[in-house]
Amino acid sequence: MSGIIGSKLNIKGSGLVAKLGTDGQVLTSAGAGLPSAFEDIAGGLSWQAIETGATMTAVAGNGYWIDTTSNACTITLPSSASNGDEIMFVDYDRTWGTNGIVLDSNGLNYQGDDDTFDVEYGTDGQAVHIVYSDATKGWIPTLDKTVSDAPVVHQNDNGLFGFGNTGSVVSMTNIVSDAGVVATDVTGVGTARKGLAACEYSTDKAIFGYGTTGSRVSMTNLVSNAGVVATDVTGVGSVRNGLAACKYGGDKGIFGYGLVDGVGTGADVSMTNLVSNVGVVATDTTGVGTGRYNLAACEYGTDTAIFGYGYSGGDLGMTNLVTNVGVVGTDVTGVGTAREALAACSYGTDKGIFGYGHIVSMTNLVTNAGVVGTDVTGVGTARRGLAATQYGDDKGIFGYGGSYVSMTNLVSNVGVVATDTTGVGTARADLAACSYN
């Protein structure tokens, strides 16, 4: 495109000399402080609702959030314009690198070129501010800025193991520090039970849910951002045990699957219950993948999740992905060795790991796209009925299980599982774990 400024401009006043000599450069009151300049520009526009369509027509004086998650967007500029008319376009979801925008100048020039030229922008996090000059140069971009630093996804620093079975059900918890050190027992936190699940919600709190006291229950216990477990909340969805739970959507949770009251010892189900970002558990959603129990779940990819493995008439190797709005996908089979009574947690801020189970010490890493890797064997003592949680922002820990042991195994931020650490709290199995901040 054209629009070359070939000579330097000197501005003098009050002893200040500012020299501008870069093609296409624009001086603002903020000088080199681009964020202030951006705010000045953006503040003078009328910002519109988020645009997700494949085409749209822009109006001068407006700012537009362009969400190209599902498709590229062709934007038609006004067919007539006056000097000083301005429009701004911003990459809403940092997806322009995959699906960009194309500006159709609609008979007017764009930086000196007529509308036979394609004007394309295709960088993640980009913001484009254009101002109309005259018939010769037409629309000129005064800001073409990429926000290169995407927000850092901060995970929770602390973990919490809770409840379980020592030969009888217990309600104790053990805090995990941000260095992976497991603290001594804290007793008397809610109704003692086993076979429950736990997950995070909001951005810093957690919830334990369901399980059996000898009879299956549907109670939950909220966990504060200081690791304090609250009293029982009852009547939240169908009573069951042997389920799994994990965070999704960045600030919400989901309980899924399990064993409900039925003929004989019970019936395995595929129901889920969403947890809001204030810890409210929703009613049952049924029919999401194959019914099973003694499975595990974890987060991956910053806002999505995965349920995996379990038992339904035999050990299973299937998984089910969970979208960032809590929708559970169909079964994916053949992902590692089939097993049940395992555990899972996130690590590395955007990946996950399934580990152990009946009765092996293998693990399977989950990529940030939800792909489950092949078996990795020989990582600590083989056992079942354990729990796992993320801690320290980007690491994980497996703990307890087996014939009532108190050992743990740390997981590094690259998914490497450490050797056994023993003697951490009361030995038990069939417990749950979650993180908090």
Protein backbone atom coordinates (compact mmCIF):
# COMPACT_ATOMS: atom_id res chain seq x y z
CA MET A 1 0.00 0.00 0.00
CA SER A 2 1.08 3.64 -0.45
CA GLY A 3 1.01 6.45 2.11
CA ILE A 4 4.74 7.19 2.40
CA ILE A 5 5.92 10.27 4.30
CA GLY A 6 9.28 11.09 2.76
CA SER A 7 10.61 13.88 4.98
CA LYS A 8 11.08 14.55 8.67
CA LEU A 9 8.78 16.86 10.62
CA ASN A 10 10.33 18.99 13.40
CA ILE A 11 8.06 20.38 16.11
CA LYS A 12 9.59 23.09 18.28
CA GLY A 13 8.22 24.73 21.39
CA SER A 14 9.22 25.47 24.99
CA GLY A 15 12.69 24.09 24.39
CA LEU A 16 11.35 20.73 23.13
CA VAL A 17 12.31 19.32 19.76
CA ALA A 18 10.38 16.21 18.64
CA LYS A 19 11.63 14.55 15.46
CA LEU A 20 9.33 12.25 13.53
CA GLY A 21 10.77 10.32 10.60
CA THR A 22 9.02 6.97 10.31
CA ASP A 23 6.69 6.22 7.39
CA GLY A 24 3.08 6.31 8.50
CA GLN A 25 3.95 7.58 12.00
CA VAL A 26 1.31 9.45 14.02
CA LEU A 27 2.11 11.78 16.90
CA THR A 28 -0.26 11.64 19.88
CA SER A 29 -0.42 13.53 23.15
CA ALA A 30 0.87 10.41 24.83
CA GLY A 31 4.11 10.41 22.81
CA ALA A 32 5.58 6.93 23.04
CA GLY A 33 2.89 5.88 25.51
CA LEU A 34 0.67 4.02 23.10
CA PRO A 35 -1.82 2.76 25.72
CA SER A 36 -2.85 6.37 26.53
CA ALA A 37 -3.18 7.18 22.86
CA PHE A 38 -5.28 4.07 22.35
CA GLU A 39 -7.58 5.11 25.19
CA ASP A 40 -8.01 8.60 23.73
CA ILE A 41 -8.97 7.17 20.35
CA ALA A 42 -11.25 4.46 21.70
CA GLY A 43 -12.96 6.80 24.14
CA GLY A 44 -14.30 9.02 21.34
CA LEU A 45 -16.12 6.21 19.56
CA SER A 46 -19.51 4.60 20.05
CA TRP A 47 -18.74 0.94 20.78
CA GLN A 48 -21.08 -1.62 19.26
CA ALA A 49 -22.14 -5.13 20.26
CA ILE A 50 -19.72 -7.95 19.49
CA GLU A 51 -19.80 -8.81 15.78
CA THR A 52 -19.59 -12.51 14.87
CA GLY A 53 -20.91 -12.52 11.30
CA ALA A 54 -19.01 -13.26 8.10
CA THR A 55 -19.96 -9.83 6.72
CA MET A 56 -20.89 -6.47 8.20
CA THR A 57 -21.19 -2.81 7.22
CA ALA A 58 -19.31 -0.27 9.31
CA VAL A 59 -20.56 3.19 10.24
CA ALA A 60 -18.27 6.16 10.89
CA GLY A 61 -17.91 7.09 14.53
CA ASN A 62 -18.23 3.52 15.77
CA GLY A 63 -15.87 1.02 17.35
CA TYR A 64 -16.33 -2.68 16.63
CA TRP A 65 -15.30 -5.83 18.51
CA ILE A 66 -14.81 -8.41 15.73
CA ASP A 67 -15.03 -12.02 16.92
CA THR A 68 -13.69 -14.33 14.19
CA THR A 69 -13.68 -17.51 16.29
CA SER A 70 -15.95 -19.29 13.78
CA ASN A 71 -15.28 -17.42 10.52
CA ALA A 72 -13.42 -14.60 8.83
CA CYS A 73 -15.22 -11.27 8.43
CA THR A 74 -15.47 -8.98 5.40
CA ILE A 75 -16.24 -5.42 6.48
CA THR A 76 -17.75 -2.89 4.07
CA LEU A 77 -16.72 0.68 4.83
CA PRO A 78 -19.10 3.64 4.24
CA SER A 79 -19.64 4.60 0.60
CA SER A 80 -19.15 8.27 1.44
CA ALA A 81 -17.01 9.91 4.11
CA SER A 82 -15.78 13.31 5.29
CA ASN A 83 -12.41 14.42 6.59
CA GLY A 84 -12.03 13.26 10.19
CA ASP A 85 -14.52 10.38 10.05
CA GLU A 86 -13.08 7.50 12.07
CA ILE A 87 -13.76 3.82 12.72
CA MET A 88 -11.98 1.25 14.89
CA PHE A 89 -11.85 -2.55 14.71
CA VAL A 90 -10.48 -4.78 17.51
CA ASP A 91 -9.75 -8.52 17.59
CA TYR A 92 -12.24 -9.62 20.28
CA ASP A 93 -10.96 -13.16 20.91
CA ARG A 94 -7.38 -13.06 19.53
CA THR A 95 -8.38 -15.13 16.50
CA TRP A 96 -7.56 -12.86 13.55
CA GLY A 97 -4.40 -14.91 12.94
CA THR A 98 -6.67 -17.83 12.02
CA ASN A 99 -9.68 -15.96 10.62
CA GLY A 100 -8.77 -12.42 9.68
CA ILE A 101 -10.73 -9.39 8.54
CA VAL A 102 -10.93 -7.86 5.04
CA LEU A 103 -11.86 -4.20 4.58
CA ASP A 104 -13.86 -3.32 1.46
CA SER A 105 -13.35 0.43 0.93
CA ASN A 106 -16.62 0.56 -1.04
CA GLY A 107 -15.57 2.92 -3.86
CA LEU A 108 -13.27 5.10 -1.75
CA ASN A 109 -9.50 4.94 -1.55
CA TYR A 110 -7.62 3.28 1.26
CA GLN A 111 -4.25 4.86 1.97
CA GLY A 112 -4.10 6.06 -1.63
CA ASP A 113 -5.14 2.84 -3.33
CA ASP A 114 -8.53 2.28 -4.90
CA ASP A 115 -10.92 -0.45 -3.77
CA THR A 116 -9.61 -2.99 -6.27
CA PHE A 117 -6.97 -3.72 -3.62
CA ASP A 118 -7.71 -6.13 -0.78
CA VAL A 119 -7.06 -4.63 2.64
CA GLU A 120 -6.45 -7.51 5.03
CA TYR A 121 -5.55 -7.70 8.71
CA GLY A 122 -4.63 -11.09 10.17
CA THR A 123 -2.69 -10.88 13.44
CA ASP A 124 -3.99 -12.17 16.78
CA GLY A 125 -4.80 -9.35 19.20
CA GLN A 126 -4.74 -6.63 16.56
CA ALA A 127 -6.51 -3.24 16.79
CA VAL A 128 -7.00 -1.05 13.68
CA HIS A 129 -8.09 2.59 13.83
CA ILE A 130 -8.79 4.31 10.50
CA VAL A 131 -9.53 7.99 9.76
CA TYR A 132 -10.80 9.44 6.47
CA SER A 133 -8.64 12.18 4.97
CA ASP A 134 -9.71 13.14 1.46
CA ALA A 135 -10.49 11.68 -1.95
CA THR A 136 -6.79 11.22 -2.75
CA LYS A 137 -5.64 9.14 0.18
CA GLY A 138 -9.06 8.12 1.48
CA TRP A 139 -9.01 6.04 4.67
CA ILE A 140 -5.67 6.04 6.51
CA PRO A 141 -4.85 3.73 9.43
CA THR A 142 -3.60 5.84 12.34
CA LEU A 143 -3.26 2.81 14.60
CA ASP A 144 -2.37 -0.73 13.58
CA LYS A 145 -1.32 -2.20 16.92
CA THR A 146 -0.96 -5.79 18.06
CA VAL A 147 -1.42 -6.62 21.73
CA SER A 148 1.28 -9.27 21.76
CA ASP A 149 0.99 -10.15 25.43
CA ALA A 150 -2.05 -12.32 25.95
CA PRO A 151 -3.23 -12.47 29.59
CA VAL A 152 -1.32 -14.95 31.72
CA VAL A 153 -3.62 -17.72 32.89
CA HIS A 154 -3.09 -17.87 36.63
CA GLN A 155 -3.97 -21.17 38.24
CA ASN A 156 -4.51 -21.80 41.93
CA ASP A 157 -1.51 -22.01 44.25
CA ASN A 158 -2.86 -24.38 46.89
CA GLY A 159 -4.42 -27.84 46.85
CA LEU A 160 -6.69 -29.71 49.20
CA PHE A 161 -7.21 -33.45 49.76
CA GLY A 162 -10.46 -34.23 51.55
CA PHE A 163 -12.68 -36.93 53.05
CA GLY A 164 -12.15 -40.63 52.22
CA ASN A 165 -12.06 -44.09 53.75
CA THR A 166 -9.68 -45.40 56.42
CA GLY A 167 -11.77 -48.52 57.01
CA SER A 168 -14.50 -46.12 58.03
CA VAL A 169 -15.51 -42.86 56.36
CA VAL A 170 -13.77 -39.64 57.45
CA SER A 171 -14.21 -35.91 56.87
CA MET A 172 -10.62 -34.74 57.34
CA THR A 173 -8.73 -32.53 54.88
CA ASN A 174 -5.06 -31.85 54.18
CA ILE A 175 -3.86 -28.61 52.60
CA VAL A 176 -1.16 -28.71 49.92
CA SER A 177 1.14 -25.66 49.92
CA ASP A 178 2.29 -23.86 46.80
CA ALA A 179 5.52 -25.85 47.14
CA GLY A 180 3.71 -29.22 47.17
CA VAL A 181 4.05 -29.86 50.91
CA VAL A 182 1.08 -31.69 52.43
CA ALA A 183 -0.04 -30.45 55.85
CA THR A 184 -1.33 -32.38 58.85
CA ASP A 185 -4.98 -33.39 59.15
CA VAL A 186 -7.79 -30.91 59.70
CA THR A 187 -10.82 -32.80 61.05
CA GLY A 188 -14.55 -32.28 61.22
CA VAL A 189 -15.26 -30.65 57.88
CA GLY A 190 -18.74 -31.72 56.79
CA THR A 191 -20.30 -35.16 56.79
CA ALA A 192 -17.77 -37.99 56.64
CA ARG A 193 -17.98 -39.89 53.35
CA LYS A 194 -16.04 -41.57 50.56
CA GLY A 195 -16.35 -41.95 46.79
CA LEU A 196 -16.98 -38.22 46.30
CA ALA A 197 -15.49 -35.71 43.83
CA ALA A 198 -14.16 -32.15 43.97
CA CYS A 199 -13.30 -29.30 41.62
CA GLU A 200 -12.55 -25.61 41.50
CA TYR A 201 -15.04 -22.83 40.74
CA SER A 202 -14.86 -19.05 40.53
CA THR A 203 -11.15 -18.36 40.12
CA ASP A 204 -10.03 -19.17 43.65
CA LYS A 205 -12.54 -21.43 45.44
CA ALA A 206 -13.59 -25.09 45.33
CA ILE A 207 -16.36 -27.57 46.07
CA PHE A 208 -16.59 -31.17 47.32
CA GLY A 209 -19.69 -33.08 46.25
CA TYR A 210 -21.70 -36.30 46.53
CA GLY A 211 -20.24 -39.62 47.78
CA THR A 212 -21.46 -42.26 50.19
CA THR A 213 -21.67 -42.46 53.96
CA GLY A 214 -22.84 -46.04 53.64
CA SER A 215 -25.77 -44.57 51.76
CA ARG A 216 -25.29 -42.39 48.67
CA VAL A 217 -25.75 -38.63 49.17
CA SER A 218 -26.06 -35.48 47.06
CA MET A 219 -24.56 -33.02 49.52
CA THR A 220 -21.82 -30.52 48.73
CA ASN A 221 -19.34 -28.51 50.78
CA LEU A 222 -17.92 -25.22 49.51
CA VAL A 223 -14.24 -24.39 50.08
CA SER A 224 -13.19 -20.76 50.62
CA ASN A 225 -10.13 -19.17 49.03
CA ALA A 226 -8.38 -19.79 52.36
CA GLY A 227 -9.06 -23.54 52.22
CA VAL A 228 -11.82 -23.54 54.83
CA VAL A 229 -14.49 -26.19 54.19
CA ALA A 230 -18.09 -25.12 54.86
CA THR A 231 -21.00 -27.05 56.30
CA ASP A 232 -23.12 -29.41 54.21
CA VAL A 233 -25.48 -28.20 51.49
CA THR A 234 -27.97 -30.96 50.61
CA GLY A 235 -30.30 -31.79 47.74
CA VAL A 236 -28.08 -30.91 44.77
CA GLY A 237 -28.84 -33.38 41.97
CA SER A 238 -29.17 -37.17 42.11
CA VAL A 239 -27.48 -39.01 44.95
CA ARG A 240 -24.41 -40.91 43.74
CA ASN A 241 -20.82 -41.89 44.36
CA GLY A 242 -17.85 -42.90 42.19
CA LEU A 243 -18.18 -39.76 40.09
CA ALA A 244 -15.58 -37.22 38.89
CA ALA A 245 -15.38 -33.42 38.73
CA CYS A 246 -13.28 -30.68 37.16
CA LYS A 247 -13.25 -26.99 36.30
CA TYR A 248 -14.30 -25.63 32.89
CA GLY A 249 -14.87 -22.22 31.30
CA GLY A 250 -12.24 -20.59 33.46
CA ASP A 251 -14.46 -20.14 36.51
CA LYS A 252 -17.07 -22.89 36.64
CA GLY A 253 -17.17 -26.60 37.53
CA ILE A 254 -18.85 -29.82 36.49
CA PHE A 255 -19.64 -33.06 38.35
CA GLY A 256 -20.13 -36.05 36.07
CA TYR A 257 -21.11 -39.72 35.87
CA GLY A 258 -21.12 -42.03 38.92
CA LEU A 259 -23.14 -44.79 40.55
CA VAL A 260 -26.73 -44.11 41.64
CA ASP A 261 -29.15 -46.18 43.69
CA GLY A 262 -30.48 -49.05 41.64
CA VAL A 263 -30.93 -52.78 41.49
CA GLY A 264 -28.31 -54.58 43.59
CA THR A 265 -25.31 -52.30 44.22
CA GLY A 266 -26.51 -49.53 41.94
CA ALA A 267 -26.60 -48.35 38.35
CA ASP A 268 -23.91 -46.36 36.53
CA VAL A 269 -25.04 -43.13 34.89
CA SER A 270 -23.82 -40.47 32.47
CA MET A 271 -25.47 -37.46 34.10
CA THR A 272 -23.66 -34.22 34.88
CA ASN A 273 -24.30 -31.23 37.14
CA LEU A 274 -22.83 -27.84 36.31
CA VAL A 275 -21.44 -25.61 39.07
CA SER A 276 -21.80 -21.84 38.60
CA ASN A 277 -19.03 -19.36 39.32
CA VAL A 278 -20.65 -18.71 42.71
CA GLY A 279 -20.77 -22.39 43.65
CA VAL A 280 -24.41 -23.16 42.88
CA VAL A 281 -24.96 -26.72 41.62
CA ALA A 282 -27.51 -27.16 38.84
CA THR A 283 -30.03 -29.92 38.28
CA ASP A 284 -29.11 -33.13 36.44
CA THR A 285 -28.21 -33.16 32.75
CA THR A 286 -28.52 -36.71 31.40
CA GLY A 287 -27.25 -38.67 28.41
CA VAL A 288 -23.69 -37.36 28.06
CA GLY A 289 -21.54 -40.28 26.90
CA THR A 290 -21.41 -43.83 28.25
CA GLY A 291 -22.60 -44.24 31.83
CA ARG A 292 -19.78 -45.30 34.15
CA TYR A 293 -18.20 -44.79 37.55
CA ASN A 294 -14.74 -44.71 39.17
CA LEU A 295 -13.50 -42.38 36.42
CA ALA A 296 -11.40 -39.19 36.63
CA ALA A 297 -11.51 -35.67 35.20
CA CYS A 298 -9.26 -32.65 34.79
CA GLU A 299 -8.92 -29.34 33.00
CA TYR A 300 -6.85 -28.69 29.85
CA GLY A 301 -6.36 -25.79 27.45
CA THR A 302 -7.19 -23.09 30.10
CA ASP A 303 -11.00 -23.36 29.85
CA THR A 304 -11.93 -26.85 28.67
CA ALA A 305 -12.02 -30.22 30.44
CA ILE A 306 -11.98 -33.97 29.98
CA PHE A 307 -13.58 -36.99 31.69
CA GLY A 308 -11.69 -40.25 31.24
CA TYR A 309 -11.62 -44.00 31.88
CA GLY A 310 -13.84 -45.70 34.52
CA TYR A 311 -15.85 -48.87 34.88
CA SER A 312 -19.08 -50.17 33.38
CA GLY A 313 -19.17 -53.94 33.33
CA GLY A 314 -15.40 -53.78 32.73
CA ASP A 315 -12.55 -51.28 32.68
CA LEU A 316 -12.91 -48.53 30.06
CA GLY A 317 -10.38 -46.47 28.10
CA MET A 318 -12.78 -43.86 26.76
CA THR A 319 -12.77 -40.09 27.28
CA ASN A 320 -15.29 -37.28 26.82
CA LEU A 321 -14.24 -33.69 26.16
CA VAL A 322 -16.07 -30.78 27.83
CA THR A 323 -16.37 -27.45 26.01
CA ASN A 324 -15.83 -24.07 27.64
CA VAL A 325 -19.61 -23.77 28.08
CA GLY A 326 -19.94 -27.14 29.84
CA VAL A 327 -21.19 -29.29 26.96
CA VAL A 328 -19.94 -32.89 27.18
CA GLY A 329 -18.88 -34.53 23.90
CA THR A 330 -19.42 -38.02 22.62
CA ASP A 331 -17.18 -40.93 23.61
CA VAL A 332 -13.61 -41.13 22.32
CA THR A 333 -12.33 -44.68 22.70
CA GLY A 334 -8.93 -46.35 22.76
CA VAL A 335 -7.01 -43.73 24.77
CA GLY A 336 -4.39 -45.60 26.79
CA THR A 337 -4.85 -48.70 28.94
CA ALA A 338 -8.43 -49.21 30.13
CA ARG A 339 -8.69 -48.86 33.92
CA GLU A 340 -10.79 -47.52 36.78
CA ALA A 341 -10.36 -45.85 40.19
CA LEU A 342 -7.64 -43.53 38.86
CA ALA A 343 -7.11 -39.77 39.36
CA ALA A 344 -6.40 -36.73 37.18
CA CYS A 345 -5.32 -33.11 37.49
CA SER A 346 -3.99 -30.25 35.39
CA TYR A 347 -0.36 -29.19 35.08
CA GLY A 348 1.67 -26.66 33.10
CA THR A 349 -1.29 -24.16 33.15
CA ASP A 350 -2.98 -25.73 30.11
CA LYS A 351 -2.42 -29.50 30.08
CA GLY A 352 -3.68 -32.49 32.07
CA ILE A 353 -2.59 -35.88 33.34
CA PHE A 354 -4.45 -39.11 34.16
CA GLY A 355 -2.62 -41.40 36.58
CA TYR A 356 -2.64 -44.75 38.34
CA GLY A 357 -5.80 -46.87 38.71
CA HIS A 358 -6.64 -50.55 39.12
CA ILE A 359 -3.83 -51.51 39.75
CA VAL A 360 -1.09 -49.76 37.80
CA SER A 361 1.30 -46.86 38.12
CA MET A 362 0.98 -45.61 34.54
CA THR A 363 0.07 -42.08 33.48
CA ASN A 364 -1.29 -40.50 30.30
CA LEU A 365 -0.61 -36.87 29.46
CA VAL A 366 -3.33 -34.67 27.92
CA THR A 367 -2.27 -31.93 25.50
CA ASN A 368 -3.73 -28.44 25.50
CA ALA A 369 -5.92 -29.61 22.61
CA GLY A 370 -7.39 -32.51 24.62
CA VAL A 371 -5.42 -35.31 22.96
CA VAL A 372 -4.57 -38.15 25.37
CA GLY A 373 -1.07 -39.61 25.02
CA THR A 374 0.12 -43.19 25.18
CA ASP A 375 0.90 -44.92 28.48
CA VAL A 376 3.91 -43.87 30.55
CA THR A 377 4.71 -46.61 33.07
CA GLY A 378 6.67 -46.93 36.30
CA VAL A 379 5.80 -43.67 38.04
CA GLY A 380 5.54 -44.39 41.76
CA THR A 381 3.68 -47.14 43.61
CA ALA A 382 0.78 -48.72 41.73
CA ARG A 383 -2.53 -48.07 43.46
CA ARG A 384 -6.20 -47.25 43.04
CA GLY A 385 -8.70 -45.05 44.87
CA LEU A 386 -6.38 -42.04 45.00
CA ALA A 387 -6.98 -38.34 44.25
CA ALA A 388 -5.08 -35.57 42.44
CA THR A 389 -5.03 -31.80 42.26
CA GLN A 390 -3.10 -28.96 40.69
CA TYR A 391 -0.97 -26.76 42.99
CA GLY A 392 1.67 -24.03 42.72
CA ASP A 393 0.06 -22.48 39.62
CA ASP A 394 1.42 -25.04 37.15
CA LYS A 395 2.19 -28.33 38.92
CA GLY A 396 0.17 -31.31 40.19
CA ILE A 397 0.10 -33.91 42.94
CA PHE A 398 -1.32 -37.45 43.22
CA GLY A 399 -2.07 -38.60 46.75
CA TYR A 400 -3.25 -41.44 48.99
CA GLY A 401 -5.21 -44.49 47.72
CA GLY A 402 -4.45 -48.19 47.65
CA SER A 403 -4.91 -50.21 50.82
CA TYR A 404 -4.97 -46.98 52.83
CA VAL A 405 -1.64 -45.26 52.19
CA SER A 406 -0.56 -41.68 52.80
CA MET A 407 1.98 -41.37 49.97
CA THR A 408 2.01 -38.63 47.35
CA ASN A 409 3.72 -38.10 43.99
CA LEU A 410 4.46 -34.61 42.70
CA VAL A 411 3.98 -33.73 39.02
CA SER A 412 6.31 -31.14 37.49
CA ASN A 413 5.17 -28.38 35.16
CA VAL A 414 6.26 -30.55 32.22
CA GLY A 415 4.28 -33.59 33.38
CA VAL A 416 7.05 -35.64 34.99
CA VAL A 417 5.86 -37.68 37.98
CA ALA A 418 8.23 -37.94 40.96
CA THR A 419 8.95 -40.89 43.24
CA ASP A 420 6.84 -41.61 46.32
CA THR A 421 6.73 -39.27 49.30
CA THR A 422 5.32 -41.06 52.34
CA GLY A 423 3.83 -40.06 55.68
CA VAL A 424 1.62 -37.15 54.65
CA GLY A 425 -1.54 -37.15 56.79
CA THR A 426 -3.82 -40.02 57.67
CA ALA A 427 -3.62 -42.98 55.29
CA ARG A 428 -6.84 -43.41 53.35
CA ALA A 429 -8.45 -44.09 49.97
CA ASP A 430 -11.56 -43.10 47.98
CA LEU A 431 -11.05 -39.40 48.73
CA ALA A 432 -11.21 -36.29 46.52
CA ALA A 433 -8.94 -33.33 45.82
CA CYS A 434 -9.16 -29.81 44.37
CA SER A 435 -7.20 -26.58 44.24
CA TYR A 436 -7.96 -23.14 45.67
CA ASN A 437 -6.11 -19.85 45.97
